[in-house]
All heavy atoms as atom14 arrays in JSON, in Angstrom:
{
  "sequence": "YFYDEVENLFYFTSDNAEKLIARKKEFFDNVIPASNSVMAQNL",
  "atom14_mask": [
    [1, 1, 1, 1, 1, 1, 1, 1, 1, 1, 1, 1, 0, 0],
    [1, 1, 1, 1, 1, 1, 1, 1, 1, 1, 1, 0, 0, 0],
    [1, 1, 1, 1, 1, 1, 1, 1, 1, 1, 1, 1, 0, 0],
    [1, 1, 1, 1, 1, 1, 1, 1, 0, 0, 0, 0, 0, 0],
    [1, 1, 1, 1, 1, 1, 1, 1, 1, 0, 0, 0, 0, 0],
    [1, 1, 1, 1, 1, 1, 1, 0, 0, 0, 0, 0, 0, 0],
    [1, 1, 1, 1, 1, 1, 1, 1, 1, 0, 0, 0, 0, 0],
    [1, 1, 1, 1, 1, 1, 1, 1, 0, 0, 0, 0, 0, 0],
    [1, 1, 1, 1, 1, 1, 1, 1, 0, 0, 0, 0, 0, 0],
    [1, 1, 1, 1, 1, 1, 1, 1, 1, 1, 1, 0, 0, 0],
    [1, 1, 1, 1, 1, 1, 1, 1, 1, 1, 1, 1, 0, 0],
    [1, 1, 1, 1, 1, 1, 1, 1, 1, 1, 1, 0, 0, 0],
    [1, 1, 1, 1, 1, 1, 1, 0, 0, 0, 0, 0, 0, 0],
    [1, 1, 1, 1, 1, 1, 0, 0, 0, 0, 0, 0, 0, 0],
    [1, 1, 1, 1, 1, 1, 1, 1, 0, 0, 0, 0, 0, 0],
    [1, 1, 1, 1, 1, 1, 1, 1, 0, 0, 0, 0, 0, 0],
    [1, 1, 1, 1, 1, 0, 0, 0, 0, 0, 0, 0, 0, 0],
    [1, 1, 1, 1, 1, 1, 1, 1, 1, 0, 0, 0, 0, 0],
    [1, 1, 1, 1, 1, 1, 1, 1, 1, 0, 0, 0, 0, 0],
    [1, 1, 1, 1, 1, 1, 1, 1, 0, 0, 0, 0, 0, 0],
    [1, 1, 1, 1, 1, 1, 1, 1, 0, 0, 0, 0, 0, 0],
    [1, 1, 1, 1, 1, 0, 0, 0, 0, 0, 0, 0, 0, 0],
    [1, 1, 1, 1, 1, 1, 1, 1, 1, 1, 1, 0, 0, 0],
    [1, 1, 1, 1, 1, 1, 1, 1, 1, 0, 0, 0, 0, 0],
    [1, 1, 1, 1, 1, 1, 1, 1, 1, 0, 0, 0, 0, 0],
    [1, 1, 1, 1, 1, 1, 1, 1, 1, 0, 0, 0, 0, 0],
    [1, 1, 1, 1, 1, 1, 1, 1, 1, 1, 1, 0, 0, 0],
    [1, 1, 1, 1, 1, 1, 1, 1, 1, 1, 1, 0, 0, 0],
    [1, 1, 1, 1, 1, 1, 1, 1, 0, 0, 0, 0, 0, 0],
    [1, 1, 1, 1, 1, 1, 1, 1, 0, 0, 0, 0, 0, 0],
    [1, 1, 1, 1, 1, 1, 1, 0, 0, 0, 0, 0, 0, 0],
    [1, 1, 1, 1, 1, 1, 1, 1, 0, 0, 0, 0, 0, 0],
    [1, 1, 1, 1, 1, 1, 1, 0, 0, 0, 0, 0, 0, 0],
    [1, 1, 1, 1, 1, 0, 0, 0, 0, 0, 0, 0, 0, 0],
    [1, 1, 1, 1, 1, 1, 0, 0, 0, 0, 0, 0, 0, 0],
    [1, 1, 1, 1, 1, 1, 1, 1, 0, 0, 0, 0, 0, 0],
    [1, 1, 1, 1, 1, 1, 0, 0, 0, 0, 0, 0, 0, 0],
    [1, 1, 1, 1, 1, 1, 1, 0, 0, 0, 0, 0, 0, 0],
    [1, 1, 1, 1, 1, 1, 1, 1, 0, 0, 0, 0, 0, 0],
    [1, 1, 1, 1, 1, 0, 0, 0, 0, 0, 0, 0, 0, 0],
    [1, 1, 1, 1, 1, 1, 1, 1, 1, 0, 0, 0, 0, 0],
    [1, 1, 1, 1, 1, 1, 1, 1, 0, 0, 0, 0, 0, 0],
    [1, 1, 1, 1, 1, 1, 1, 1, 0, 0, 0, 0, 0, 0]
  ],
  "atom14_positions": [
    [[-32.37, -4.57, 26.11], [-33.77, -4.24, 25.88], [-34.03, -3.14, 24.84], [-35.19, -2.92, 24.47], [-34.43, -3.84, 27.19], [-34.56, -4.99, 28.16], [-33.68, -5.13, 29.24], [-35.54, -5.96, 27.98], [-33.79, -6.19, 30.13], [-35.66, -7.03, 28.86], [-34.78, -7.14, 29.93], [-34.89, -8.19, 30.8], [0.0, 0.0, 0.0], [0.0, 0.0, 0.0]],
    [[-32.98, -2.44, 24.38], [-33.2, -1.34, 23.43], [-32.51, -1.56, 22.08], [-32.81, -0.85, 21.13], [-32.67, -0.02, 24.01], [-33.46, 0.54, 25.16], [-33.36, -0.01, 26.44], [-34.3, 1.63, 24.99], [-34.07, 0.52, 27.51], [-35.02, 2.17, 26.04], [-34.91, 1.61, 27.31], [0.0, 0.0, 0.0], [0.0, 0.0, 0.0], [0.0, 0.0, 0.0]],
    [[-31.64, -2.53, 21.98], [-30.73, -2.64, 20.84], [-31.4, -3.27, 19.62], [-32.13, -4.25, 19.73], [-29.52, -3.48, 21.25], [-28.47, -3.65, 20.19], [-27.94, -2.56, 19.51], [-28.0, -4.93, 19.85], [-26.97, -2.72, 18.55], [-27.02, -5.1, 18.89], [-26.51, -3.99, 18.24], [-25.55, -4.16, 17.27], [0.0, 0.0, 0.0], [0.0, 0.0, 0.0]],
    [[-31.14, -2.68, 18.46], [-31.54, -3.26, 17.17], [-30.27, -3.74, 16.48], [-29.5, -2.94, 15.95], [-32.25, -2.2, 16.33], [-32.62, -2.72, 14.94], [-32.48, -3.93, 14.69], [-33.06, -1.91, 14.1], [0.0, 0.0, 0.0], [0.0, 0.0, 0.0], [0.0, 0.0, 0.0], [0.0, 0.0, 0.0], [0.0, 0.0, 0.0], [0.0, 0.0, 0.0]],
    [[-30.07, -5.05, 16.48], [-28.83, -5.6, 15.94], [-28.76, -5.48, 14.42], [-27.67, -5.61, 13.84], [-28.67, -7.06, 16.36], [-29.77, -7.97, 15.87], [-29.61, -9.39, 16.42], [-28.86, -9.58, 17.38], [-30.26, -10.29, 15.85], [0.0, 0.0, 0.0], [0.0, 0.0, 0.0], [0.0, 0.0, 0.0], [0.0, 0.0, 0.0], [0.0, 0.0, 0.0]],
    [[-29.87, -5.24, 13.76], [-29.86, -5.09, 12.3], [-29.17, -3.79, 11.91], [-28.34, -3.75, 11.0], [-31.29, -5.13, 11.74], [-31.29, -4.85, 10.23], [-31.93, -6.5, 12.02], [0.0, 0.0, 0.0], [0.0, 0.0, 0.0], [0.0, 0.0, 0.0], [0.0, 0.0, 0.0], [0.0, 0.0, 0.0], [0.0, 0.0, 0.0], [0.0, 0.0, 0.0]],
    [[-29.5, -2.7, 12.6], [-28.96, -1.39, 12.24], [-27.87, -0.9, 13.18], [-27.35, 0.21, 13.0], [-30.09, -0.35, 12.2], [-31.09, -0.62, 11.07], [-32.05, 0.53, 10.84], [-32.21, 1.36, 11.76], [-32.62, 0.6, 9.75], [0.0, 0.0, 0.0], [0.0, 0.0, 0.0], [0.0, 0.0, 0.0], [0.0, 0.0, 0.0], [0.0, 0.0, 0.0]],
    [[-27.52, -1.7, 14.18], [-26.48, -1.29, 15.14], [-26.81, 0.06, 15.78], [-25.93, 0.92, 15.95], [-25.1, -1.23, 14.47], [-24.52, -2.61, 14.23], [-24.63, -3.48, 15.08], [-23.94, -2.81, 13.07], [0.0, 0.0, 0.0], [0.0, 0.0, 0.0], [0.0, 0.0, 0.0], [0.0, 0.0, 0.0], [0.0, 0.0, 0.0], [0.0, 0.0, 0.0]],
    [[-28.07, 0.22, 16.15], [-28.51, 1.41, 16.86], [-29.52, 0.98, 17.92], [-29.98, -0.17, 17.92], [-29.16, 2.43, 15.91], [-28.22, 3.18, 14.95], [-29.04, 3.98, 13.95], [-27.26, 4.09, 15.69], [0.0, 0.0, 0.0], [0.0, 0.0, 0.0], [0.0, 0.0, 0.0], [0.0, 0.0, 0.0], [0.0, 0.0, 0.0], [0.0, 0.0, 0.0]],
    [[-29.87, 1.91, 18.79], [-30.81, 1.62, 19.85], [-32.15, 2.3, 19.57], [-32.19, 3.45, 19.12], [-30.27, 2.1, 21.2], [-29.05, 1.36, 21.65], [-27.78, 1.88, 21.44], [-29.16, 0.13, 22.28], [-26.65, 1.2, 21.86], [-28.04, -0.56, 22.71], [-26.79, -0.03, 22.49], [0.0, 0.0, 0.0], [0.0, 0.0, 0.0], [0.0, 0.0, 0.0]],
    [[-33.22, 1.58, 19.85], [-34.54, 2.19, 19.82], [-34.67, 3.19, 20.96], [-34.0, 3.09, 21.99], [-35.63, 1.13, 19.96], [-35.79, 0.24, 18.75], [-35.37, -1.09, 18.78], [-36.39, 0.73, 17.58], [-35.54, -1.92, 17.67], [-36.56, -0.09, 16.48], [-36.12, -1.41, 16.53], [-36.29, -2.21, 15.43], [0.0, 0.0, 0.0], [0.0, 0.0, 0.0]],
    [[-35.58, 4.14, 20.78], [-35.82, 5.12, 21.84], [-36.57, 4.5, 23.01], [-36.45, 4.96, 24.15], [-36.62, 6.3, 21.27], [-36.69, 7.48, 22.2], [-35.58, 8.29, 22.41], [-37.86, 7.8, 22.87], [-35.63, 9.38, 23.27], [-37.93, 8.88, 23.72], [-36.81, 9.67, 23.93], [0.0, 0.0, 0.0], [0.0, 0.0, 0.0], [0.0, 0.0, 0.0]],
    [[-37.32, 3.45, 22.75], [-38.12, 2.8, 23.78], [-37.65, 1.37, 24.02], [-37.12, 0.71, 23.12], [-39.61, 2.77, 23.39], [-39.74, 2.14, 22.11], [-40.19, 4.17, 23.34], [0.0, 0.0, 0.0], [0.0, 0.0, 0.0], [0.0, 0.0, 0.0], [0.0, 0.0, 0.0], [0.0, 0.0, 0.0], [0.0, 0.0, 0.0], [0.0, 0.0, 0.0]],
    [[-37.89, 0.89, 25.21], [-37.54, -0.48, 25.6], [-38.47, -1.49, 24.92], [-39.59, -1.17, 24.52], [-37.65, -0.61, 27.12], [-37.65, -1.96, 27.52], [0.0, 0.0, 0.0], [0.0, 0.0, 0.0], [0.0, 0.0, 0.0], [0.0, 0.0, 0.0], [0.0, 0.0, 0.0], [0.0, 0.0, 0.0], [0.0, 0.0, 0.0], [0.0, 0.0, 0.0]],
    [[-37.98, -2.73, 24.83], [-38.84, -3.82, 24.36], [-40.1, -3.95, 25.21], [-41.12, -4.44, 24.73], [-38.08, -5.15, 24.42], [-36.94, -5.23, 23.43], [-36.9, -4.41, 22.5], [-36.06, -6.11, 23.6], [0.0, 0.0, 0.0], [0.0, 0.0, 0.0], [0.0, 0.0, 0.0], [0.0, 0.0, 0.0], [0.0, 0.0, 0.0], [0.0, 0.0, 0.0]],
    [[-40.0, -3.54, 26.46], [-41.13, -3.69, 27.39], [-42.08, -2.5, 27.39], [-43.07, -2.5, 28.12], [-40.6, -3.9, 28.82], [-39.74, -5.15, 28.93], [-40.03, -6.16, 28.31], [-38.68, -5.06, 29.72], [0.0, 0.0, 0.0], [0.0, 0.0, 0.0], [0.0, 0.0, 0.0], [0.0, 0.0, 0.0], [0.0, 0.0, 0.0], [0.0, 0.0, 0.0]],
    [[-41.79, -1.49, 26.58], [-42.6, -0.26, 26.61], [-43.92, -0.46, 25.87], [-44.12, -1.43, 25.13], [-41.81, 0.88, 25.96], [0.0, 0.0, 0.0], [0.0, 0.0, 0.0], [0.0, 0.0, 0.0], [0.0, 0.0, 0.0], [0.0, 0.0, 0.0], [0.0, 0.0, 0.0], [0.0, 0.0, 0.0], [0.0, 0.0, 0.0], [0.0, 0.0, 0.0]],
    [[-44.83, 0.5, 26.07], [-46.1, 0.5, 25.36], [-45.86, 0.45, 23.85], [-45.01, 1.15, 23.31], [-46.87, 1.78, 25.72], [-48.17, 1.97, 24.97], [-48.81, 3.33, 25.23], [-48.23, 4.11, 26.02], [-49.85, 3.6, 24.63], [0.0, 0.0, 0.0], [0.0, 0.0, 0.0], [0.0, 0.0, 0.0], [0.0, 0.0, 0.0], [0.0, 0.0, 0.0]],
    [[-46.62, -0.37, 23.15], [-46.5, -0.5, 21.7], [-47.31, 0.61, 21.04], [-48.53, 0.68, 21.15], [-47.0, -1.87, 21.24], [-46.26, -3.05, 21.88], [-44.76, -3.02, 21.55], [-44.03, -4.24, 22.1], [-43.79, -4.16, 23.56], [0.0, 0.0, 0.0], [0.0, 0.0, 0.0], [0.0, 0.0, 0.0], [0.0, 0.0, 0.0], [0.0, 0.0, 0.0]],
    [[-46.61, 1.49, 20.34], [-47.23, 2.61, 19.64], [-47.28, 2.32, 18.15], [-46.86, 1.24, 17.7], [-46.46, 3.89, 19.93], [-46.32, 4.25, 21.42], [-45.4, 5.46, 21.58], [-47.69, 4.52, 22.04], [0.0, 0.0, 0.0], [0.0, 0.0, 0.0], [0.0, 0.0, 0.0], [0.0, 0.0, 0.0], [0.0, 0.0, 0.0], [0.0, 0.0, 0.0]],
    [[-47.76, 3.26, 17.35], [-47.9, 3.02, 15.91], [-46.54, 2.95, 15.21], [-46.46, 2.51, 14.06], [-48.77, 4.09, 15.24], [-48.14, 5.48, 15.39], [-50.18, 4.06, 15.79], [-48.8, 6.54, 14.52], [0.0, 0.0, 0.0], [0.0, 0.0, 0.0], [0.0, 0.0, 0.0], [0.0, 0.0, 0.0], [0.0, 0.0, 0.0], [0.0, 0.0, 0.0]],
    [[-45.48, 3.38, 15.87], [-44.13, 3.28, 15.32], [-43.15, 3.2, 16.48], [-43.41, 3.69, 17.57], [-43.82, 4.48, 14.43], [0.0, 0.0, 0.0], [0.0, 0.0, 0.0], [0.0, 0.0, 0.0], [0.0, 0.0, 0.0], [0.0, 0.0, 0.0], [0.0, 0.0, 0.0], [0.0, 0.0, 0.0], [0.0, 0.0, 0.0], [0.0, 0.0, 0.0]],
    [[-42.02, 2.57, 16.22], [-40.94, 2.51, 17.2], [-39.73, 3.19, 16.59], [-39.17, 2.72, 15.6], [-40.62, 1.06, 17.58], [-39.72, 0.94, 18.81], [-39.45, -0.5, 19.15], [-38.65, -0.61, 20.37], [-38.03, -1.73, 20.76], [-38.13, -2.85, 20.03], [-37.31, -1.73, 21.87], [0.0, 0.0, 0.0], [0.0, 0.0, 0.0], [0.0, 0.0, 0.0]],
    [[-39.34, 4.31, 17.18], [-38.38, 5.2, 16.55], [-36.98, 5.05, 17.13], [-36.79, 4.55, 18.23], [-38.83, 6.65, 16.71], [-40.27, 6.93, 16.26], [-40.48, 6.61, 14.79], [-39.72, 7.56, 13.88], [-39.94, 7.2, 12.45], [0.0, 0.0, 0.0], [0.0, 0.0, 0.0], [0.0, 0.0, 0.0], [0.0, 0.0, 0.0], [0.0, 0.0, 0.0]],
    [[-36.03, 5.55, 16.35], [-34.65, 5.71, 16.81], [-34.28, 7.18, 16.67], [-34.67, 7.84, 15.71], [-33.68, 4.85, 15.99], [-33.95, 3.36, 16.03], [-32.83, 2.61, 15.32], [-33.13, 1.12, 15.24], [-34.01, 0.8, 14.08], [0.0, 0.0, 0.0], [0.0, 0.0, 0.0], [0.0, 0.0, 0.0], [0.0, 0.0, 0.0], [0.0, 0.0, 0.0]],
    [[-33.5, 7.66, 17.6], [-33.1, 9.08, 17.61], [-31.6, 9.15, 17.36], [-30.81, 8.65, 18.16], [-33.45, 9.69, 18.97], [-33.08, 11.14, 19.12], [-33.27, 11.64, 20.55], [-32.69, 11.02, 21.46], [-33.99, 12.62, 20.74], [0.0, 0.0, 0.0], [0.0, 0.0, 0.0], [0.0, 0.0, 0.0], [0.0, 0.0, 0.0], [0.0, 0.0, 0.0]],
    [[-31.21, 9.78, 16.24], [-29.76, 9.88, 16.02], [-29.29, 11.25, 15.54], [-28.1, 11.49, 15.4], [-29.26, 8.79, 15.05], [-29.9, 8.78, 13.7], [-29.57, 9.71, 12.74], [-30.81, 7.8, 13.37], [-30.13, 9.68, 11.48], [-31.4, 7.76, 12.11], [-31.05, 8.7, 11.16], [0.0, 0.0, 0.0], [0.0, 0.0, 0.0], [0.0, 0.0, 0.0]],
    [[-30.2, 12.19, 15.3], [-29.77, 13.55, 14.96], [-29.52, 14.33, 16.25], [-30.37, 14.4, 17.13], [-30.82, 14.27, 14.13], [-30.86, 13.84, 12.69], [-31.99, 13.25, 12.16], [-29.76, 14.02, 11.87], [-32.03, 12.85, 10.83], [-29.78, 13.63, 10.54], [-30.92, 13.04, 10.02], [0.0, 0.0, 0.0], [0.0, 0.0, 0.0], [0.0, 0.0, 0.0]],
    [[-28.33, 14.95, 16.35], [-28.0, 15.79, 17.49], [-28.67, 17.15, 17.32], [-28.55, 17.78, 16.27], [-26.49, 15.98, 17.62], [-25.78, 14.66, 17.88], [-26.27, 13.89, 18.71], [-24.74, 14.41, 17.24], [0.0, 0.0, 0.0], [0.0, 0.0, 0.0], [0.0, 0.0, 0.0], [0.0, 0.0, 0.0], [0.0, 0.0, 0.0], [0.0, 0.0, 0.0]],
    [[-29.36, 17.58, 18.35], [-30.05, 18.86, 18.29], [-29.6, 19.69, 19.47], [-28.43, 19.66, 19.85], [-31.57, 18.63, 18.28], [-32.32, 19.77, 17.63], [-32.28, 20.91, 18.08], [-33.01, 19.47, 16.54], [0.0, 0.0, 0.0], [0.0, 0.0, 0.0], [0.0, 0.0, 0.0], [0.0, 0.0, 0.0], [0.0, 0.0, 0.0], [0.0, 0.0, 0.0]],
    [[-30.51, 20.47, 20.07], [-30.17, 21.21, 21.28], [-29.64, 20.23, 22.34], [-28.64, 20.49, 23.01], [-31.4, 21.97, 21.8], [-31.09, 22.63, 23.13], [-31.83, 23.02, 20.78], [0.0, 0.0, 0.0], [0.0, 0.0, 0.0], [0.0, 0.0, 0.0], [0.0, 0.0, 0.0], [0.0, 0.0, 0.0], [0.0, 0.0, 0.0], [0.0, 0.0, 0.0]],
    [[-30.33, 19.11, 22.47], [-29.82, 17.99, 23.27], [-29.24, 16.97, 22.31], [-29.86, 16.63, 21.31], [-30.95, 17.34, 24.1], [-31.56, 18.34, 25.07], [-30.43, 16.14, 24.88], [-32.71, 17.78, 25.89], [0.0, 0.0, 0.0], [0.0, 0.0, 0.0], [0.0, 0.0, 0.0], [0.0, 0.0, 0.0], [0.0, 0.0, 0.0], [0.0, 0.0, 0.0]],
    [[-28.04, 16.45, 22.57], [-27.48, 15.42, 21.69], [-28.4, 14.21, 21.61], [-29.13, 13.89, 22.55], [-26.16, 15.05, 22.38], [-25.82, 16.23, 23.21], [-27.11, 16.83, 23.64], [0.0, 0.0, 0.0], [0.0, 0.0, 0.0], [0.0, 0.0, 0.0], [0.0, 0.0, 0.0], [0.0, 0.0, 0.0], [0.0, 0.0, 0.0], [0.0, 0.0, 0.0]],
    [[-28.39, 13.54, 20.48], [-29.23, 12.36, 20.27], [-28.87, 11.27, 21.27], [-27.7, 11.06, 21.6], [-29.06, 11.84, 18.85], [0.0, 0.0, 0.0], [0.0, 0.0, 0.0], [0.0, 0.0, 0.0], [0.0, 0.0, 0.0], [0.0, 0.0, 0.0], [0.0, 0.0, 0.0], [0.0, 0.0, 0.0], [0.0, 0.0, 0.0], [0.0, 0.0, 0.0]],
    [[-29.9, 10.57, 21.73], [-29.67, 9.51, 22.71], [-28.73, 8.44, 22.16], [-27.94, 7.86, 22.92], [-30.99, 8.9, 23.14], [-31.81, 8.59, 22.04], [0.0, 0.0, 0.0], [0.0, 0.0, 0.0], [0.0, 0.0, 0.0], [0.0, 0.0, 0.0], [0.0, 0.0, 0.0], [0.0, 0.0, 0.0], [0.0, 0.0, 0.0], [0.0, 0.0, 0.0]],
    [[-28.79, 8.16, 20.87], [-27.88, 7.16, 20.3], [-26.43, 7.64, 20.3], [-25.52, 6.86, 20.55], [-28.32, 6.78, 18.88], [-29.16, 5.52, 18.85], [-28.67, 4.42, 19.11], [-30.43, 5.67, 18.54], [0.0, 0.0, 0.0], [0.0, 0.0, 0.0], [0.0, 0.0, 0.0], [0.0, 0.0, 0.0], [0.0, 0.0, 0.0], [0.0, 0.0, 0.0]],
    [[-26.21, 8.92, 20.03], [-24.83, 9.41, 20.02], [-24.25, 9.43, 21.43], [-23.06, 9.13, 21.63], [-24.75, 10.8, 19.38], [-25.36, 11.8, 20.18], [0.0, 0.0, 0.0], [0.0, 0.0, 0.0], [0.0, 0.0, 0.0], [0.0, 0.0, 0.0], [0.0, 0.0, 0.0], [0.0, 0.0, 0.0], [0.0, 0.0, 0.0], [0.0, 0.0, 0.0]],
    [[-25.07, 9.77, 22.43], [-24.61, 9.74, 23.82], [-24.3, 8.3, 24.22], [-23.3, 8.02, 24.87], [-25.65, 10.36, 24.76], [-25.17, 10.3, 26.21], [-25.92, 11.81, 24.37], [0.0, 0.0, 0.0], [0.0, 0.0, 0.0], [0.0, 0.0, 0.0], [0.0, 0.0, 0.0], [0.0, 0.0, 0.0], [0.0, 0.0, 0.0], [0.0, 0.0, 0.0]],
    [[-25.18, 7.38, 23.8], [-24.97, 5.97, 24.14], [-23.7, 5.44, 23.49], [-22.96, 4.65, 24.09], [-26.19, 5.16, 23.7], [-26.36, 3.86, 24.45], [-26.63, 4.1, 26.21], [-25.49, 2.89, 26.87], [0.0, 0.0, 0.0], [0.0, 0.0, 0.0], [0.0, 0.0, 0.0], [0.0, 0.0, 0.0], [0.0, 0.0, 0.0], [0.0, 0.0, 0.0]],
    [[-23.43, 5.87, 22.27], [-22.19, 5.44, 21.6], [-20.96, 5.95, 22.36], [-19.97, 5.21, 22.52], [-22.18, 5.95, 20.16], [0.0, 0.0, 0.0], [0.0, 0.0, 0.0], [0.0, 0.0, 0.0], [0.0, 0.0, 0.0], [0.0, 0.0, 0.0], [0.0, 0.0, 0.0], [0.0, 0.0, 0.0], [0.0, 0.0, 0.0], [0.0, 0.0, 0.0]],
    [[-21.01, 7.19, 22.81], [-19.9, 7.73, 23.62], [-19.73, 6.92, 24.9], [-18.6, 6.6, 25.31], [-20.18, 9.19, 23.97], [-20.23, 10.12, 22.78], [-19.08, 11.11, 22.76], [-18.06, 10.91, 23.41], [-19.24, 12.17, 22.0], [0.0, 0.0, 0.0], [0.0, 0.0, 0.0], [0.0, 0.0, 0.0], [0.0, 0.0, 0.0], [0.0, 0.0, 0.0]],
    [[-20.85, 6.57, 25.54], [-20.78, 5.77, 26.76], [-20.12, 4.43, 26.51], [-19.27, 3.97, 27.29], [-22.18, 5.56, 27.34], [-22.83, 6.83, 27.83], [-22.16, 7.81, 28.12], [-24.15, 6.82, 27.92], [0.0, 0.0, 0.0], [0.0, 0.0, 0.0], [0.0, 0.0, 0.0], [0.0, 0.0, 0.0], [0.0, 0.0, 0.0], [0.0, 0.0, 0.0]],
    [[-20.55, 3.77, 25.45], [-20.0, 2.45, 25.12], [-18.5, 2.55, 24.85], [-17.73, 1.66, 25.25], [-20.72, 1.87, 23.9], [-22.14, 1.37, 24.19], [-22.94, 1.27, 22.88], [-22.11, 0.02, 24.89], [0.0, 0.0, 0.0], [0.0, 0.0, 0.0], [0.0, 0.0, 0.0], [0.0, 0.0, 0.0], [0.0, 0.0, 0.0], [0.0, 0.0, 0.0]]
  ]
}
């Protein structure tokens, strides 16, 4: 429900989530590591 097969990354929101003006991906690690980098470690 979150995967974008074009860019091999995950969206921040599910396919089922509210449709906003943009659908973003988070990949910069900050104070909290980026959700995509954590997901990559999990995989």
